[in-house]
Protein backbone atom coordinates (compact mmCIF):
# COMPACT_ATOMS: atom_id res chain seq x y z
CA MET A 1 -15.45 -24.54 28.86
CA SER A 2 -11.80 -24.51 29.84
CA ILE A 3 -9.33 -25.00 26.99
CA ILE A 4 -6.23 -24.78 29.12
CA GLY A 5 -5.88 -28.44 30.06
CA PRO A 6 -2.68 -29.11 32.03
CA ARG A 7 -1.41 -25.59 31.61
CA LYS A 8 -1.88 -24.18 35.11
CA GLN A 9 -5.07 -22.23 34.27
CA LEU A 10 -2.98 -19.43 32.77
CA GLY A 11 -2.00 -17.35 35.73
CA ALA A 12 -4.12 -19.02 38.39
CA HIS A 13 -0.96 -20.67 39.67
CA ALA A 14 0.85 -17.39 40.08
CA PRO A 15 1.92 -16.85 43.68
CA PRO A 16 1.46 -13.48 45.44
CA GLY A 17 3.68 -10.83 43.95
CA GLN A 18 3.53 -12.38 40.44
CA THR A 19 0.14 -11.10 39.25
CA LEU A 20 -0.13 -8.07 36.96
CA ALA A 21 -2.50 -5.22 37.86
CA LYS A 22 -5.52 -4.51 35.60
CA THR A 23 -5.01 -0.85 34.69
CA LEU A 24 -5.59 -0.51 30.92
CA GLY A 25 -8.74 0.42 28.98
CA TRP A 26 -9.33 0.28 25.21
CA PRO A 27 -8.01 3.83 24.54
CA HIS A 28 -4.71 2.77 26.12
CA LEU A 29 -4.68 -0.41 24.00
CA ILE A 30 -5.36 1.36 20.68
CA ALA A 31 -2.63 3.84 21.57
CA LEU A 32 -0.29 0.96 22.45
CA GLY A 33 -0.99 -0.63 19.06
CA VAL A 34 -0.66 2.57 17.03
CA GLY A 35 2.31 3.59 19.16
CA ALA A 36 4.10 0.36 18.26
CA ILE A 37 3.04 0.17 14.62
CA VAL A 38 3.55 3.78 13.54
CA GLY A 39 7.22 4.35 14.13
CA THR A 40 10.57 3.41 12.68
CA GLY A 41 8.97 1.42 9.85
CA ILE A 42 7.38 4.45 8.23
CA TYR A 43 9.79 7.10 9.56
CA THR A 44 13.05 5.36 8.61
CA LEU A 45 12.60 2.00 6.85
CA THR A 46 10.80 3.68 3.93
CA GLY A 47 14.27 4.56 2.64
CA VAL A 48 15.62 1.02 3.11
CA GLY A 49 12.56 -0.41 1.33
CA ALA A 50 12.94 2.04 -1.57
CA GLU A 51 16.56 0.98 -1.99
CA ARG A 52 15.47 -2.68 -2.31
CA ALA A 53 12.31 -2.35 -4.41
CA GLY A 54 12.30 1.12 -5.99
CA PRO A 55 8.82 2.75 -6.26
CA ALA A 56 7.30 -0.71 -5.72
CA VAL A 57 8.03 -0.24 -2.02
CA ILE A 58 4.40 0.97 -2.04
CA LEU A 59 3.37 -2.55 -3.11
CA ALA A 60 5.74 -4.02 -0.51
CA PHE A 61 3.87 -2.09 2.21
CA ALA A 62 0.55 -3.43 0.88
CA ILE A 63 1.78 -7.06 0.88
CA ALA A 64 3.26 -6.82 4.37
CA GLY A 65 0.05 -5.17 5.59
CA ALA A 66 -2.13 -7.93 4.11
CA VAL A 67 -0.09 -10.65 5.84
CA CYS A 68 -0.24 -8.75 9.12
CA ALA A 69 -4.00 -8.23 8.75
CA CYS A 70 -4.50 -12.02 8.67
CA ALA A 71 -2.27 -12.42 11.73
CA ALA A 72 -4.11 -9.57 13.50
CA LEU A 73 -7.48 -11.30 13.07
CA ALA A 74 -6.03 -14.49 14.54
CA TYR A 75 -4.51 -12.53 17.43
CA ALA A 76 -7.84 -10.82 18.14
CA GLU A 77 -9.70 -14.14 18.51
CA LEU A 78 -7.01 -15.79 20.60
CA ALA A 79 -6.35 -12.79 22.85
CA THR A 80 -10.03 -12.51 23.83
CA MET A 81 -10.27 -16.29 24.22
CA ILE A 82 -7.15 -16.56 26.40
CA PRO A 83 -6.88 -13.20 28.23
CA ALA A 84 -3.50 -13.74 29.87
CA ALA A 85 -0.16 -12.04 29.37
CA GLY A 86 2.28 -13.56 26.88
CA SER A 87 0.55 -13.18 23.47
CA ALA A 88 1.80 -15.76 20.92
CA TYR A 89 3.81 -17.62 23.58
CA THR A 90 0.73 -18.16 25.74
CA PHE A 91 -1.50 -19.09 22.77
CA THR A 92 1.08 -21.63 21.58
CA TYR A 93 1.49 -23.12 25.07
CA THR A 94 -2.27 -23.61 25.23
CA ALA A 95 -2.75 -25.05 21.73
CA LEU A 96 0.52 -26.74 20.79
CA GLY A 97 2.38 -27.47 24.02
CA GLU A 98 5.37 -26.29 25.99
CA ALA A 99 8.26 -27.19 23.66
CA ILE A 100 6.85 -25.31 20.66
CA ALA A 101 5.81 -22.46 22.98
CA TRP A 102 9.43 -22.17 24.11
CA VAL A 103 10.60 -21.67 20.51
CA VAL A 104 7.92 -19.03 19.97
CA GLY A 105 8.70 -17.29 23.26
CA TRP A 106 12.44 -17.33 22.52
CA SER A 107 11.69 -15.87 19.07
CA LEU A 108 9.49 -13.18 20.64
CA ILE A 109 12.33 -12.18 22.95
CA LEU A 110 14.43 -11.65 19.81
CA GLU A 111 11.60 -9.76 18.11
CA TYR A 112 10.91 -7.30 20.87
CA SER A 113 14.46 -6.64 21.95
CA LEU A 114 15.73 -6.06 18.42
CA ALA A 115 12.62 -4.05 17.50
CA CYS A 116 13.38 -1.72 20.38
CA SER A 117 16.99 -1.47 19.29
CA THR A 118 15.97 -0.77 15.67
CA VAL A 119 13.74 2.09 16.73
CA ALA A 120 16.43 3.48 19.02
CA VAL A 121 18.88 3.56 16.10
CA GLY A 122 16.24 5.15 13.85
CA TRP A 123 15.47 7.73 16.52
CA SER A 124 19.16 8.52 16.77
CA GLY A 125 19.28 9.21 13.01
CA TYR A 126 16.47 11.75 13.27
CA LEU A 127 17.94 13.34 16.39
CA VAL A 128 21.34 13.80 14.75
CA GLY A 129 19.76 15.20 11.58
CA TRP A 130 17.64 17.59 13.61
CA ILE A 131 20.59 18.81 15.68
CA GLN A 132 22.81 19.23 12.62
CA ALA A 133 20.05 21.18 10.86
CA ALA A 134 20.29 23.61 13.78
CA GLY A 135 24.01 24.06 13.02
CA ILE A 136 25.34 21.96 15.90
CA VAL A 137 28.14 19.51 15.10
CA LEU A 138 28.57 16.46 17.35
CA PRO A 139 31.51 14.02 17.44
CA GLN A 140 30.81 11.26 14.90
CA ALA A 141 32.46 8.61 17.08
CA LEU A 142 29.57 8.89 19.56
CA LEU A 143 26.79 8.89 16.95
CA VAL A 144 27.35 5.57 15.16
CA GLY A 145 28.54 2.10 16.05
CA PRO A 146 31.77 0.37 15.00
CA HIS A 147 30.21 -0.76 11.68
CA ALA A 148 30.22 2.89 10.52
CA GLY A 149 33.60 3.84 11.94
CA GLY A 150 32.37 5.11 15.30
CA ILE A 151 32.62 3.85 18.85
CA ILE A 152 29.01 3.74 20.05
CA ASN A 153 25.62 5.13 19.04
CA LEU A 154 25.23 7.04 22.29
CA PRO A 155 21.83 8.67 21.54
CA ALA A 156 20.33 5.23 20.86
CA VAL A 157 21.70 3.92 24.15
CA LEU A 158 20.38 6.89 26.13
CA VAL A 159 16.85 6.76 24.69
CA ALA A 160 16.58 3.02 25.45
CA LEU A 161 17.60 3.60 29.06
CA ALA A 162 15.23 6.56 29.38
CA VAL A 163 12.26 4.49 28.18
CA MET A 164 13.26 1.74 30.60
CA GLY A 165 12.99 4.31 33.38
CA MET A 166 9.48 5.29 32.27
CA LEU A 167 8.31 1.67 32.31
CA VAL A 168 9.76 1.12 35.77
CA ALA A 169 7.62 4.07 36.91
CA GLY A 170 4.45 2.09 36.12
CA THR A 171 2.35 0.63 33.30
CA ARG A 172 -0.62 3.01 33.41
CA GLU A 173 1.58 6.10 33.62
CA SER A 174 3.64 4.86 30.65
CA ALA A 175 0.52 4.02 28.62
CA THR A 176 -1.00 7.45 29.27
CA LEU A 177 2.19 9.19 28.14
CA ASN A 178 2.14 6.95 25.08
CA ILE A 179 -1.26 8.37 24.04
CA VAL A 180 0.24 11.87 23.93
CA LEU A 181 3.22 10.67 21.87
CA VAL A 182 0.94 8.83 19.43
CA ILE A 183 -1.07 12.00 18.79
CA ILE A 184 2.17 13.87 18.02
CA LYS A 185 3.20 11.19 15.51
CA LEU A 186 -0.15 11.16 13.74
CA VAL A 187 -0.19 14.95 13.42
CA ALA A 188 3.37 14.92 12.04
CA LEU A 189 2.54 12.29 9.39
CA THR A 190 -0.57 14.22 8.38
CA VAL A 191 1.57 17.34 7.92
CA PHE A 192 4.00 15.33 5.78
CA VAL A 193 1.22 14.10 3.46
CA VAL A 194 -0.24 17.62 3.15
CA PHE A 195 3.14 19.07 2.07
CA ALA A 196 4.37 16.15 -0.06
CA MET A 197 1.26 15.10 -1.97
CA PRO A 198 0.98 18.30 -4.06
CA ALA A 199 4.47 17.54 -5.44
CA PHE A 200 3.38 14.08 -6.65
CA ASN A 201 4.99 13.28 -10.00
CA ALA A 202 3.92 10.11 -11.79
CA ASP A 203 7.33 9.96 -13.52
CA ASN A 204 8.87 9.04 -10.15
CA LEU A 205 6.95 5.75 -10.26
CA HIS A 206 8.68 4.55 -13.44
CA PRO A 207 10.07 1.97 -13.64
CA PHE A 208 7.77 0.74 -10.91
CA MET A 209 9.60 -2.54 -10.20
CA PRO A 210 13.22 -1.97 -11.27
CA TYR A 211 14.39 -5.09 -9.40
CA GLY A 212 11.42 -7.35 -10.12
CA PHE A 213 8.90 -8.92 -7.74
CA ALA A 214 10.65 -11.94 -6.23
CA SER A 215 13.46 -11.61 -3.71
CA VAL A 216 16.76 -12.16 -5.56
CA GLU A 217 20.33 -11.37 -4.56
CA GLN A 218 21.94 -8.53 -6.52
CA GLY A 219 25.33 -7.12 -5.60
CA GLY A 220 25.38 -8.90 -2.25
CA THR A 221 21.95 -7.52 -1.27
CA LYS A 222 18.52 -9.10 -1.71
CA ARG A 223 16.34 -6.87 -3.90
CA GLY A 224 12.83 -7.00 -5.27
CA VAL A 225 9.34 -6.29 -3.95
CA MET A 226 9.37 -9.29 -1.61
CA ALA A 227 12.83 -8.40 -0.29
CA ALA A 228 11.46 -4.97 0.59
CA ALA A 229 8.27 -6.49 2.04
CA ALA A 230 10.38 -8.74 4.26
CA ILE A 231 11.96 -5.68 5.91
CA VAL A 232 9.09 -3.12 5.82
CA PHE A 233 7.02 -5.88 7.45
CA PHE A 234 8.67 -4.43 10.55
CA ALA A 235 6.52 -1.35 9.98
CA PHE A 236 3.27 -3.20 10.65
CA TYR A 237 3.73 -5.42 13.61
CA GLY A 238 3.09 -3.98 16.99
CA PHE A 239 -0.51 -5.09 17.43
CA ASP A 240 0.94 -8.23 19.03
CA ALA A 241 2.20 -5.99 21.82
CA VAL A 242 -1.47 -5.25 22.54
CA ALA A 243 -2.04 -8.98 23.04
CA THR A 244 0.75 -9.10 25.63
CA SER A 245 -1.30 -6.69 27.73
CA ALA A 246 -4.28 -9.07 27.99
CA GLU A 247 -3.77 -9.73 31.69
CA GLU A 248 -3.69 -5.97 32.41
CA ALA A 249 -6.80 -5.07 30.37
CA LYS A 250 -9.80 -4.01 32.44
CA ARG A 251 -12.31 -5.66 30.06
CA PRO A 252 -10.22 -7.93 27.83
CA GLY A 253 -13.07 -9.25 25.70
CA ARG A 254 -14.02 -5.80 24.43
CA ASP A 255 -10.79 -3.86 24.90
CA LEU A 256 -8.43 -6.32 23.17
CA THR A 257 -10.57 -6.63 20.05
CA ILE A 258 -10.82 -2.86 19.68
CA GLY A 259 -7.12 -2.42 20.40
CA ILE A 260 -5.80 -5.03 17.95
CA VAL A 261 -8.18 -4.58 14.99
CA GLY A 262 -8.54 -0.81 15.47
CA SER A 263 -4.81 -0.11 15.54
CA MET A 264 -4.23 -2.18 12.37
CA LEU A 265 -6.97 -0.34 10.44
CA VAL A 266 -5.71 3.10 11.47
CA CYS A 267 -2.11 2.30 10.61
CA THR A 268 -2.78 0.70 7.23
CA VAL A 269 -4.50 3.86 6.00
CA ILE A 270 -1.67 6.04 7.32
CA TYR A 271 1.08 3.92 5.76
CA MET A 272 -0.37 3.83 2.27
CA ALA A 273 -0.88 7.60 2.25
CA VAL A 274 2.66 8.33 3.46
CA ALA A 275 4.30 5.83 1.08
CA VAL A 276 2.52 7.21 -1.99
CA ALA A 277 3.33 10.80 -0.99
CA ALA A 278 7.02 10.07 -0.35
CA ILE A 279 7.72 7.98 -3.48
CA GLY A 280 5.68 10.30 -5.68
CA ALA A 281 7.46 13.44 -4.49
CA VAL A 282 11.11 12.50 -5.19
CA PRO A 283 13.00 9.81 -7.16
CA PHE A 284 13.39 6.69 -5.05
CA GLN A 285 17.19 6.84 -5.38
CA GLN A 286 17.17 9.92 -3.13
CA LEU A 287 15.34 8.01 -0.39
CA ALA A 288 17.48 4.88 -0.56
CA ASN A 289 18.93 4.10 2.88
CA SER A 290 18.37 7.63 4.18
CA PRO A 291 18.24 7.59 8.01
CA GLU A 292 15.50 10.27 7.88
CA PRO A 293 13.63 9.82 4.56
CA LEU A 294 10.51 11.87 5.37
CA ALA A 295 12.52 14.89 6.46
CA LEU A 296 14.68 14.43 3.35
CA VAL A 297 11.62 14.57 1.09
CA LEU A 298 10.48 17.86 2.61
CA ARG A 299 13.94 19.41 2.35
CA SER A 300 14.03 18.37 -1.32
CA LEU A 301 10.74 20.21 -1.78
CA ASN A 302 12.20 23.40 -0.27
CA GLN A 303 10.18 23.02 2.90
CA PRO A 304 12.96 23.27 5.51
CA LYS A 305 10.65 24.33 8.34
CA ALA A 306 8.27 21.43 7.73
CA ALA A 307 11.26 19.06 7.51
CA TYR A 308 12.56 20.44 10.80
CA LEU A 309 9.18 19.90 12.47
CA ILE A 310 8.84 16.35 11.09
CA ALA A 311 12.27 15.49 12.45
CA LEU A 312 11.37 17.10 15.77
CA ALA A 313 8.14 15.08 15.94
CA ALA A 314 10.13 11.90 15.27
CA VAL A 315 12.58 12.80 18.02
CA VAL A 316 9.73 13.42 20.46
CA ALA A 317 7.41 10.58 19.47
CA LEU A 318 9.48 7.61 18.24
CA PRO A 319 10.34 6.65 21.83
CA SER A 320 6.69 5.57 22.13
CA VAL A 321 7.54 2.61 19.89
CA ILE A 322 10.45 1.68 22.12
CA LEU A 323 8.14 2.00 25.11
CA VAL A 324 5.53 -0.39 23.70
CA MET A 325 8.03 -2.94 22.41
CA MET A 326 10.05 -2.92 25.64
CA TYR A 327 6.76 -3.31 27.50
CA GLY A 328 5.93 -6.32 25.30
CA GLN A 329 9.27 -8.02 25.79
CA SER A 330 9.22 -7.55 29.55
CA ARG A 331 5.81 -9.28 29.64
CA ILE A 332 7.03 -12.21 27.54
CA PHE A 333 10.03 -12.58 29.84
CA PHE A 334 7.70 -12.26 32.84
CA VAL A 335 5.30 -15.01 31.77
CA MET A 336 8.07 -17.42 30.77
CA ALA A 337 9.70 -16.87 34.15
CA ARG A 338 6.36 -17.31 35.92
CA ASP A 339 5.98 -20.62 34.10
CA GLY A 340 9.40 -21.70 35.37
CA LEU A 341 11.06 -21.78 31.94
CA LEU A 342 13.26 -18.86 33.01
CA PRO A 343 14.44 -18.13 36.58
CA GLN A 344 11.33 -17.34 38.64
CA GLN A 345 13.07 -14.46 40.42
CA LEU A 346 12.50 -12.51 37.19
CA ALA A 347 8.72 -12.79 37.63
CA THR A 348 8.61 -10.52 40.70
CA VAL A 349 6.38 -7.43 40.35
CA SER A 350 6.64 -4.12 42.17
CA LYS A 351 4.19 -3.70 45.06
CA ARG A 352 3.90 0.01 44.24
CA THR A 353 3.22 -0.14 40.48
CA GLY A 354 2.19 -3.75 39.82
CA ALA A 355 4.82 -3.89 37.03
CA PRO A 356 7.70 -6.39 36.67
CA THR A 357 10.53 -3.99 37.57
CA ARG A 358 13.42 -6.45 37.70
CA ILE A 359 12.82 -7.91 34.24
CA THR A 360 12.18 -4.43 32.78
CA VAL A 361 15.61 -3.23 33.92
CA LEU A 362 17.31 -6.32 32.46
CA THR A 363 15.42 -5.83 29.19
CA GLY A 364 16.32 -2.14 28.96
CA ILE A 365 20.03 -2.71 29.48
CA SER A 366 20.22 -5.47 26.84
CA ILE A 367 18.31 -3.35 24.31
CA ALA A 368 20.58 -0.37 24.91
CA ALA A 369 23.66 -2.55 24.30
CA VAL A 370 22.38 -3.81 20.92
CA ALA A 371 21.29 -0.33 19.82
CA GLY A 372 24.70 1.09 20.62
CA PHE A 373 26.72 -1.20 18.38
CA PHE A 374 24.69 -2.61 15.45
CA ARG A 375 23.24 -1.43 12.11
CA LEU A 376 19.56 -0.55 11.68
CA ASP A 377 18.81 -2.78 8.68
CA GLU A 378 20.50 -5.88 10.16
CA ILE A 379 18.67 -5.45 13.47
CA ALA A 380 15.30 -5.00 11.72
CA GLU A 381 15.74 -8.09 9.53
CA LEU A 382 16.58 -10.30 12.49
CA ALA A 383 13.66 -8.89 14.49
CA ASN A 384 11.37 -9.72 11.57
CA ALA A 385 12.51 -13.35 11.58
CA GLY A 386 11.39 -13.70 15.19
CA THR A 387 8.05 -12.05 14.49
CA LEU A 388 7.34 -14.21 11.44
CA ILE A 389 7.80 -17.39 13.50
CA ALA A 390 5.38 -16.02 16.10
CA PHE A 391 2.79 -15.13 13.45
CA ILE A 392 3.07 -18.59 11.87
CA ALA A 393 2.43 -20.13 15.29
CA VAL A 394 -0.60 -17.89 15.91
CA GLY A 395 -2.12 -18.84 12.55
CA ALA A 396 -1.68 -22.51 13.47
CA CYS A 397 -3.11 -21.97 16.98
CA LEU A 398 -6.23 -20.33 15.52
CA MET A 399 -7.00 -23.40 13.40
CA VAL A 400 -5.98 -25.98 16.02
CA LEU A 401 -8.21 -24.47 18.72
CA ARG A 402 -11.15 -24.29 16.33
CA ARG A 403 -10.81 -28.08 16.07
CA THR A 404 -9.85 -28.98 19.64
CA ALA A 405 -12.05 -26.45 21.47
CA PRO A 406 -14.94 -25.64 19.13
CA ASP A 407 -17.33 -24.77 21.98
CA ALA A 408 -14.97 -22.49 23.91
CA ARG A 409 -16.22 -18.95 24.47
CA ARG A 410 -14.94 -16.59 21.78
CA LEU A 411 -15.73 -12.92 22.33
CA PHE A 412 -14.34 -12.18 18.87
CA ARG A 413 -14.62 -14.78 16.12
CA CYS A 414 -12.19 -14.53 13.21
CA PRO A 415 -14.07 -14.78 9.88
CA ALA A 416 -13.11 -17.77 7.69
CA PRO A 417 -10.55 -18.96 10.29
CA TYR A 418 -9.02 -21.72 8.16
CA VAL A 419 -8.55 -19.39 5.20
CA VAL A 420 -7.15 -16.58 7.36
CA GLY A 421 -4.89 -18.94 9.32
CA THR A 422 -3.54 -20.57 6.16
CA LEU A 423 -2.89 -17.21 4.47
CA ALA A 424 -1.08 -15.94 7.58
CA ILE A 425 1.16 -19.03 7.64
CA LEU A 426 1.93 -19.07 3.90
CA GLY A 427 2.48 -15.30 3.75
CA CYS A 428 4.87 -15.38 6.70
CA LEU A 429 6.77 -18.36 5.30
CA TYR A 430 7.31 -16.51 2.01
CA LEU A 431 8.46 -13.36 3.82
CA LEU A 432 10.78 -15.50 5.96
CA TYR A 433 12.24 -17.07 2.79
CA SER A 434 12.73 -13.56 1.35
CA LEU A 435 15.04 -12.50 4.18
CA PRO A 436 18.83 -12.55 3.56
CA GLY A 437 20.59 -15.87 4.12
CA THR A 438 22.85 -14.37 6.80
CA THR A 439 19.77 -13.23 8.73
CA LEU A 440 18.25 -16.72 8.63
CA PHE A 441 21.56 -18.23 9.72
CA ARG A 442 21.78 -15.89 12.73
CA PHE A 443 18.16 -16.66 13.59
CA CYS A 444 18.90 -20.40 13.57
CA ILE A 445 21.90 -19.84 15.85
CA TRP A 446 19.68 -17.85 18.24
CA ASN A 447 17.13 -20.65 18.42
CA ALA A 448 19.82 -23.31 18.79
CA ILE A 449 21.08 -21.44 21.86
CA GLY A 450 17.50 -21.24 23.12
CA LEU A 451 16.89 -24.96 22.73
CA VAL A 452 20.08 -25.75 24.62
CA PHE A 453 18.88 -23.50 27.47
CA TYR A 454 15.42 -25.11 27.40
CA VAL A 455 16.83 -28.64 27.66
CA ALA A 456 19.39 -27.66 30.32
CA TYR A 457 17.13 -25.44 32.46
CA GLY A 458 13.60 -24.68 31.28
CA ARG A 459 12.35 -28.23 30.83
CA ARG A 460 13.56 -29.30 34.28
CA HIS A 461 12.12 -26.21 36.06
CA SER A 462 8.83 -25.98 34.16
CA PHE A 463 5.90 -25.42 36.53
CA ALA A 464 3.62 -27.62 34.43
CA ARG A 465 6.09 -30.52 34.40
CA ARG A 466 6.86 -30.26 38.12
CA GLY A 467 3.14 -30.10 38.85
CA GLN A 468 2.37 -33.35 37.04
CA PRO A 469 3.32 -36.95 37.77
CA ALA A 470 6.46 -38.08 35.98
């Protein structure tokens, strides 16, 4: 049974030169998921979360993980049901229509681009710490943006452009390299837990919730467990990048389910172990807003060599997160352009690699620009707003399609879909409410700009609208 209706059979309309090559198996997809999920969130945002919630950042990780688990189950069903590139944008187009899909796609563009920029800034923090630990002093003006008294965060710019180059080289080659980088990250986090856990001190967990549970503004900053959850939420998403690869999966029914659910399970276990080890080893005040909290913990425990290796692993492996997120954004851009909502020239793929080279270059340059000039916490909060909107839409799509297409083939069936979908929506709405007011204002401005573009260009050039009678 087809559930697509008037929506162009999801890729069947694509002219020659606008079809993605099927090159990815389930090992690539699990690595893409873990590569995106395990990154800046646990390597750098642990410190930001500790500053906002104290030791209860451990609980913040658990709450964010539970919300993401509900969204992941919805993604797994929809991705195997609609195996086309575009993830939440494509699901929303199918279930809820073009206008709402535009809002979700526009939000995803914000999510992926700012997620890449966040990781680039986090990577820069570890690189600078690692270089300085070796006794090398670099000019501060080239290490931070104007917000911190510098000119540009040059390392963040360079790593974004380097990852862009890897993606231009080809999807399969990039995904294979990502597997190697993921292994390095997992080994490094295991080493951290082994060194930090023996120093666990229960006294460091008291008071457990110094700022309370709810998100409240204190001293110009939102604090509390939910305020921390709203930012460390960034640490969990990434499995949605697996869904964007649906069109490139060799066996989407099997591979996407393994990739999405498997990567979430692996990462949840890793995160809880690392968070308990870090908060238990040192007082949370030491971690607050540190650009390299895990390395800081090990240095505090008189383990300079281990700290040096952790920082080195972050320098080597964090670019895998940028790679996956940049990959995801380029695919969202690609599908929206292929649908006519963005200029169709952007939907051209390389004959040599089967990858959308033109849109990848545009994506890489924009990400590098944001990473060079903005703060890590502000970028992460705004990226989270975009992701939360996408997750809310996916929860709604899960329930809508169970009603409108009950007999459609589902290679993976989400258990208790109405419960899971409702929990995903309510959890994401609460996290969205817990974000700072300035972040929500900027997010509204972003979507206002997007709606103006949709009315002025996208609606008139939409393939579906041009293909139907007026």
